[in-house]
């Protein structure tokens, strides 16, 4: 009976966490952009110290990267007109959420398309003893591929793989025998990205 109550509490906590993440999905934009002749002013709201801001090109190559130093609003100016013609995006990694703001540079003109802003929710992993809890918000039912590997010195073997799709609230529980620090690795693939957790 104690185990049932314990697992019920964990399930309720995961539902509350996902509900909170859903509430962020309907918020007003977290950024403000002012495009001027030679510079672009970017204001990002509700950041925490340690969040990561980067500018990437269409191939995923990072052309600028900085760690946010203070919690609150972040403001900076960028001369994006110096970038070669092409497609780019500002990307803000806020822990469980990655937000991207796409823009293009053409002949010194910088054009933003706020309608193409993208929010990606990362998988969240929690370990208790030999049990691994995984949750992820997938608002559009985007697939999540999960690969669980056993890891030892010079060896890596696939233990289990699964693809979950057509659901907005992904929750999985796995029991891994002999779970010790560094003995397992979980690889997540979703929305063209890969996330790795070492357990």
C-alpha atoms as a PDB file:
ATOM      1  CA  UNK A   1       0.000   0.000   0.000  1.00  0.00           C
ATOM      2  CA  UNK A   2       2.889   2.353   0.824  1.00  0.00           C
ATOM      3  CA  UNK A   3       4.364   1.772  -2.653  1.00  0.00           C
ATOM      4  CA  UNK A   4       1.034   2.571  -4.312  1.00  0.00           C
ATOM      5  CA  UNK A   5       0.777   5.862  -2.405  1.00  0.00           C
ATOM      6  CA  UNK A   6       4.423   6.672  -3.103  1.00  0.00           C
ATOM      7  CA  UNK A   7       4.042   6.092  -6.873  1.00  0.00           C
ATOM      8  CA  UNK A   8       0.699   7.953  -6.927  1.00  0.00           C
ATOM      9  CA  UNK A   9       2.377  11.000  -5.394  1.00  0.00           C
ATOM     10  CA  UNK A  10       5.114  10.840  -8.044  1.00  0.00           C
ATOM     11  CA  UNK A  11       2.518  10.592 -10.811  1.00  0.00           C
ATOM     12  CA  UNK A  12       0.645  13.603  -9.442  1.00  0.00           C
ATOM     13  CA  UNK A  13       3.901  15.558  -9.251  1.00  0.00           C
ATOM     14  CA  UNK A  14       4.679  14.755 -12.907  1.00  0.00           C
ATOM     15  CA  UNK A  15       1.189  15.882 -13.977  1.00  0.00           C
ATOM     16  CA  UNK A  16       1.607  19.163 -12.058  1.00  0.00           C
ATOM     17  CA  UNK A  17       5.012  19.717 -13.691  1.00  0.00           C
ATOM     18  CA  UNK A  18       3.593  19.131 -17.181  1.00  0.00           C
ATOM     19  CA  UNK A  19       0.631  21.409 -16.442  1.00  0.00           C
ATOM     20  CA  UNK A  20       3.045  24.153 -15.419  1.00  0.00           C
ATOM     21  CA  UNK A  21       4.973  23.652 -18.669  1.00  0.00           C
ATOM     22  CA  UNK A  22       1.707  23.903 -20.632  1.00  0.00           C
ATOM     23  CA  UNK A  23       0.943  27.213 -18.947  1.00  0.00           C
ATOM     24  CA  UNK A  24       4.258  28.582 -20.243  1.00  0.00           C
ATOM     25  CA  UNK A  25       3.255  27.536 -23.765  1.00  0.00           C
ATOM     26  CA  UNK A  26       0.413  30.083 -23.801  1.00  0.00           C
ATOM     27  CA  UNK A  27       2.388  33.009 -22.392  1.00  0.00           C
ATOM     28  CA  UNK A  28       3.164  36.203 -24.261  1.00  0.00           C
ATOM     29  CA  UNK A  29       6.451  36.053 -26.191  1.00  0.00           C
ATOM     30  CA  UNK A  30       9.524  35.965 -23.990  1.00  0.00           C
ATOM     31  CA  UNK A  31      11.503  38.209 -26.346  1.00  0.00           C
ATOM     32  CA  UNK A  32      11.371  41.637 -27.937  1.00  0.00           C
ATOM     33  CA  UNK A  33      13.350  42.579 -31.040  1.00  0.00           C
ATOM     34  CA  UNK A  34      14.060  46.029 -32.396  1.00  0.00           C
ATOM     35  CA  UNK A  35      15.715  46.086 -35.789  1.00  0.00           C
ATOM     36  CA  UNK A  36      17.729  49.228 -36.489  1.00  0.00           C
ATOM     37  CA  UNK A  37      19.915  50.223 -39.429  1.00  0.00           C
ATOM     38  CA  UNK A  38      23.189  48.748 -38.220  1.00  0.00           C
ATOM     39  CA  UNK A  39      22.206  46.768 -35.142  1.00  0.00           C
ATOM     40  CA  UNK A  40      19.504  44.572 -33.692  1.00  0.00           C
ATOM     41  CA  UNK A  41      18.429  45.005 -30.078  1.00  0.00           C
ATOM     42  CA  UNK A  42      17.324  41.775 -28.423  1.00  0.00           C
ATOM     43  CA  UNK A  43      15.552  41.728 -25.054  1.00  0.00           C
ATOM     44  CA  UNK A  44      14.911  38.321 -23.493  1.00  0.00           C
ATOM     45  CA  UNK A  45      12.587  38.055 -20.514  1.00  0.00           C
ATOM     46  CA  UNK A  46      12.484  35.692 -17.533  1.00  0.00           C
ATOM     47  CA  UNK A  47      15.956  34.197 -17.911  1.00  0.00           C
ATOM     48  CA  UNK A  48      18.029  32.566 -15.198  1.00  0.00           C
ATOM     49  CA  UNK A  49      21.752  32.754 -14.629  1.00  0.00           C
ATOM     50  CA  UNK A  50      23.333  29.875 -16.542  1.00  0.00           C
ATOM     51  CA  UNK A  51      20.827  29.890 -19.445  1.00  0.00           C
ATOM     52  CA  UNK A  52      22.548  29.752 -22.831  1.00  0.00           C
ATOM     53  CA  UNK A  53      22.039  32.164 -25.736  1.00  0.00           C
ATOM     54  CA  UNK A  54      23.440  31.266 -29.141  1.00  0.00           C
ATOM     55  CA  UNK A  55      23.145  32.227 -32.788  1.00  0.00           C
ATOM     56  CA  UNK A  56      23.188  29.294 -35.217  1.00  0.00           C
ATOM     57  CA  UNK A  57      23.210  29.110 -38.990  1.00  0.00           C
ATOM     58  CA  UNK A  58      20.946  26.832 -41.048  1.00  0.00           C
ATOM     59  CA  UNK A  59      23.426  23.942 -40.629  1.00  0.00           C
ATOM     60  CA  UNK A  60      23.434  24.206 -36.819  1.00  0.00           C
ATOM     61  CA  UNK A  61      26.887  25.803 -36.712  1.00  0.00           C
ATOM     62  CA  UNK A  62      27.194  28.160 -33.724  1.00  0.00           C
ATOM     63  CA  UNK A  63      28.343  31.626 -34.801  1.00  0.00           C
ATOM     64  CA  UNK A  64      27.847  33.242 -31.371  1.00  0.00           C
ATOM     65  CA  UNK A  65      27.410  31.804 -27.887  1.00  0.00           C
ATOM     66  CA  UNK A  66      27.158  33.272 -24.409  1.00  0.00           C
ATOM     67  CA  UNK A  67      26.046  32.190 -20.952  1.00  0.00           C
ATOM     68  CA  UNK A  68      23.505  34.447 -19.244  1.00  0.00           C
ATOM     69  CA  UNK A  69      25.151  35.880 -16.134  1.00  0.00           C
ATOM     70  CA  UNK A  70      22.171  37.219 -14.152  1.00  0.00           C
ATOM     71  CA  UNK A  71      18.571  36.179 -13.495  1.00  0.00           C
ATOM     72  CA  UNK A  72      15.891  38.486 -14.968  1.00  0.00           C
ATOM     73  CA  UNK A  73      15.783  40.271 -18.294  1.00  0.00           C
ATOM     74  CA  UNK A  74      18.720  40.189 -20.720  1.00  0.00           C
ATOM     75  CA  UNK A  75      19.388  42.921 -23.252  1.00  0.00           C
ATOM     76  CA  UNK A  76      22.079  43.143 -25.906  1.00  0.00           C
ATOM     77  CA  UNK A  77      22.792  44.620 -29.338  1.00  0.00           C
ATOM     78  CA  UNK A  78      24.046  42.576 -32.259  1.00  0.00           C
ATOM     79  CA  UNK A  79      25.274  43.706 -35.676  1.00  0.00           C
ATOM     80  CA  UNK A  80      23.661  40.898 -37.661  1.00  0.00           C
ATOM     81  CA  UNK A  81      24.249  42.703 -40.966  1.00  0.00           C
ATOM     82  CA  UNK A  82      27.861  41.437 -40.864  1.00  0.00           C
ATOM     83  CA  UNK A  83      26.673  37.823 -41.210  1.00  0.00           C
ATOM     84  CA  UNK A  84      26.784  36.231 -44.692  1.00  0.00           C
ATOM     85  CA  UNK A  85      23.473  35.924 -46.522  1.00  0.00           C
ATOM     86  CA  UNK A  86      21.448  33.001 -45.195  1.00  0.00           C
ATOM     87  CA  UNK A  87      19.063  31.670 -42.577  1.00  0.00           C
ATOM     88  CA  UNK A  88      19.904  31.902 -38.881  1.00  0.00           C
ATOM     89  CA  UNK A  89      18.246  31.675 -35.503  1.00  0.00           C
ATOM     90  CA  UNK A  90      18.679  32.958 -31.996  1.00  0.00           C
ATOM     91  CA  UNK A  91      18.390  29.999 -29.647  1.00  0.00           C
ATOM     92  CA  UNK A  92      17.799  30.236 -25.902  1.00  0.00           C
ATOM     93  CA  UNK A  93      18.341  27.103 -23.823  1.00  0.00           C
ATOM     94  CA  UNK A  94      16.425  27.551 -20.557  1.00  0.00           C
ATOM     95  CA  UNK A  95      16.927  24.114 -19.030  1.00  0.00           C
ATOM     96  CA  UNK A  96      13.875  22.050 -20.039  1.00  0.00           C
ATOM     97  CA  UNK A  97      12.829  24.459 -22.800  1.00  0.00           C
ATOM     98  CA  UNK A  98      14.668  25.578 -25.939  1.00  0.00           C
ATOM     99  CA  UNK A  99      13.227  28.598 -27.760  1.00  0.00           C
ATOM    100  CA  UNK A 100      14.402  29.616 -31.214  1.00  0.00           C
ATOM    101  CA  UNK A 101      13.793  32.864 -33.086  1.00  0.00           C
ATOM    102  CA  UNK A 102      14.536  32.512 -36.812  1.00  0.00           C
ATOM    103  CA  UNK A 103      15.812  35.326 -39.014  1.00  0.00           C
ATOM    104  CA  UNK A 104      17.370  35.771 -42.429  1.00  0.00           C
ATOM    105  CA  UNK A 105      20.146  38.015 -43.636  1.00  0.00           C
ATOM    106  CA  UNK A 106      20.049  39.184 -47.240  1.00  0.00           C
ATOM    107  CA  UNK A 107      22.224  41.977 -48.663  1.00  0.00           C
ATOM    108  CA  UNK A 108      22.687  43.538 -45.233  1.00  0.00           C
ATOM    109  CA  UNK A 109      18.980  43.398 -44.354  1.00  0.00           C
ATOM    110  CA  UNK A 110      17.865  41.385 -41.328  1.00  0.00           C
ATOM    111  CA  UNK A 111      14.318  40.004 -41.373  1.00  0.00           C
ATOM    112  CA  UNK A 112      12.661  38.271 -38.402  1.00  0.00           C
ATOM    113  CA  UNK A 113       9.645  36.011 -38.689  1.00  0.00           C
ATOM    114  CA  UNK A 114       7.968  35.808 -35.274  1.00  0.00           C
ATOM    115  CA  UNK A 115       5.383  33.344 -36.622  1.00  0.00           C
ATOM    116  CA  UNK A 116       8.150  30.770 -37.064  1.00  0.00           C
ATOM    117  CA  UNK A 117       9.328  30.962 -33.457  1.00  0.00           C
ATOM    118  CA  UNK A 118       9.751  27.415 -32.167  1.00  0.00           C
ATOM    119  CA  UNK A 119       9.615  26.021 -28.651  1.00  0.00           C
ATOM    120  CA  UNK A 120      11.065  22.583 -27.953  1.00  0.00           C
ATOM    121  CA  UNK A 121      10.445  20.849 -24.649  1.00  0.00           C
ATOM    122  CA  UNK A 122      13.327  18.608 -23.621  1.00  0.00           C
ATOM    123  CA  UNK A 123      12.789  15.226 -21.992  1.00  0.00           C
ATOM    124  CA  UNK A 124      13.136  15.293 -18.207  1.00  0.00           C
ATOM    125  CA  UNK A 125      14.830  12.362 -16.457  1.00  0.00           C
ATOM    126  CA  UNK A 126      14.684  11.573 -12.752  1.00  0.00           C
ATOM    127  CA  UNK A 127      16.317   8.568 -11.055  1.00  0.00           C
ATOM    128  CA  UNK A 128      15.287   6.965  -7.768  1.00  0.00           C
ATOM    129  CA  UNK A 129      17.155   3.801  -6.891  1.00  0.00           C
ATOM    130  CA  UNK A 130      16.863   1.466  -9.891  1.00  0.00           C
ATOM    131  CA  UNK A 131      13.851   3.313 -11.334  1.00  0.00           C
ATOM    132  CA  UNK A 132      14.110   5.941 -14.094  1.00  0.00           C
ATOM    133  CA  UNK A 133      11.203   8.355 -14.619  1.00  0.00           C
ATOM    134  CA  UNK A 134      10.990  10.123 -17.989  1.00  0.00           C
ATOM    135  CA  UNK A 135       8.538  12.869 -18.911  1.00  0.00           C
ATOM    136  CA  UNK A 136       8.252  15.198 -21.892  1.00  0.00           C
ATOM    137  CA  UNK A 137       5.726  17.680 -23.172  1.00  0.00           C
ATOM    138  CA  UNK A 138       4.940  17.163 -26.887  1.00  0.00           C
ATOM    139  CA  UNK A 139       2.261  19.726 -27.745  1.00  0.00           C
ATOM    140  CA  UNK A 140       2.041  18.652 -31.398  1.00  0.00           C
ATOM    141  CA  UNK A 141       2.347  14.921 -30.726  1.00  0.00           C
ATOM    142  CA  UNK A 142       5.882  14.931 -32.115  1.00  0.00           C
ATOM    143  CA  UNK A 143       7.612  11.541 -31.754  1.00  0.00           C
ATOM    144  CA  UNK A 144      10.165  10.845 -29.041  1.00  0.00           C
ATOM    145  CA  UNK A 145      12.661   8.039 -29.604  1.00  0.00           C
ATOM    146  CA  UNK A 146      14.263   6.594 -26.479  1.00  0.00           C
ATOM    147  CA  UNK A 147      17.388   4.410 -26.527  1.00  0.00           C
ATOM    148  CA  UNK A 148      18.708   2.961 -23.251  1.00  0.00           C
ATOM    149  CA  UNK A 149      22.292   1.694 -23.247  1.00  0.00           C
ATOM    150  CA  UNK A 150      24.376  -0.231 -20.720  1.00  0.00           C
ATOM    151  CA  UNK A 151      27.788   1.397 -20.484  1.00  0.00           C
ATOM    152  CA  UNK A 152      31.017  -0.150 -19.252  1.00  0.00           C
ATOM    153  CA  UNK A 153      34.666   0.547 -19.962  1.00  0.00           C
ATOM    154  CA  UNK A 154      35.082   0.140 -23.698  1.00  0.00           C
ATOM    155  CA  UNK A 155      31.554  -1.226 -24.131  1.00  0.00           C
ATOM    156  CA  UNK A 156      28.141   0.189 -24.929  1.00  0.00           C
ATOM    157  CA  UNK A 157      25.174  -2.106 -25.530  1.00  0.00           C
ATOM    158  CA  UNK A 158      21.604  -1.222 -26.437  1.00  0.00           C
ATOM    159  CA  UNK A 159      19.217  -2.573 -23.787  1.00  0.00           C
ATOM    160  CA  UNK A 160      15.922  -1.120 -24.974  1.00  0.00           C
ATOM    161  CA  UNK A 161      14.470   1.257 -27.544  1.00  0.00           C
ATOM    162  CA  UNK A 162      11.029   2.753 -27.971  1.00  0.00           C
ATOM    163  CA  UNK A 163       9.306   5.372 -30.113  1.00  0.00           C
ATOM    164  CA  UNK A 164       6.410   7.268 -28.542  1.00  0.00           C
ATOM    165  CA  UNK A 165       4.153   9.417 -30.710  1.00  0.00           C
ATOM    166  CA  UNK A 166       0.703  10.981 -31.009  1.00  0.00           C
ATOM    167  CA  UNK A 167       0.519  12.016 -27.357  1.00  0.00           C
ATOM    168  CA  UNK A 168       1.041  15.432 -25.775  1.00  0.00           C
ATOM    169  CA  UNK A 169       2.159  14.263 -22.338  1.00  0.00           C
ATOM    170  CA  UNK A 170       4.820  11.551 -22.495  1.00  0.00           C
ATOM    171  CA  UNK A 171       5.512   9.656 -19.280  1.00  0.00           C
ATOM    172  CA  UNK A 172       7.549   6.466 -18.949  1.00  0.00           C
ATOM    173  CA  UNK A 173       9.000   4.495 -16.056  1.00  0.00           C
ATOM    174  CA  UNK A 174      11.887   2.028 -16.539  1.00  0.00           C
ATOM    175  CA  UNK A 175      13.473  -0.293 -13.999  1.00  0.00           C
ATOM    176  CA  UNK A 176      17.187  -0.767 -14.697  1.00  0.00           C
ATOM    177  CA  UNK A 177      18.876  -3.496 -12.700  1.00  0.00           C
ATOM    178  CA  UNK A 178      22.250  -2.619 -11.243  1.00  0.00           C
ATOM    179  CA  UNK A 179      21.879   1.095 -11.938  1.00  0.00           C
ATOM    180  CA  UNK A 180      25.091   2.749 -10.755  1.00  0.00           C
ATOM    181  CA  UNK A 181      26.735   6.053 -11.574  1.00  0.00           C
ATOM    182  CA  UNK A 182      27.916   5.984 -15.162  1.00  0.00           C
ATOM    183  CA  UNK A 183      26.579   2.504 -15.897  1.00  0.00           C
ATOM    184  CA  UNK A 184      23.748   3.579 -18.228  1.00  0.00           C
ATOM    185  CA  UNK A 185      23.094   6.143 -20.922  1.00  0.00           C
ATOM    186  CA  UNK A 186      19.768   7.304 -22.348  1.00  0.00           C
ATOM    187  CA  UNK A 187      19.623   8.922 -25.792  1.00  0.00           C
ATOM    188  CA  UNK A 188      16.507  10.892 -26.761  1.00  0.00           C
ATOM    189  CA  UNK A 189      15.737  11.934 -30.339  1.00  0.00           C
ATOM    190  CA  UNK A 190      12.956  14.426 -31.049  1.00  0.00           C
ATOM    191  CA  UNK A 191      12.313  17.259 -33.511  1.00  0.00           C
ATOM    192  CA  UNK A 192      15.647  16.703 -35.268  1.00  0.00           C
ATOM    193  CA  UNK A 193      17.633  16.952 -32.025  1.00  0.00           C
ATOM    194  CA  UNK A 194      19.438  14.543 -29.777  1.00  0.00           C
ATOM    195  CA  UNK A 195      19.640  14.758 -25.982  1.00  0.00           C
ATOM    196  CA  UNK A 196      21.854  12.462 -23.897  1.00  0.00           C
ATOM    197  CA  UNK A 197      21.545  11.602 -20.204  1.00  0.00           C
ATOM    198  CA  UNK A 198      24.283   9.670 -18.372  1.00  0.00           C
ATOM    199  CA  UNK A 199      23.035   7.755 -15.341  1.00  0.00           C
END
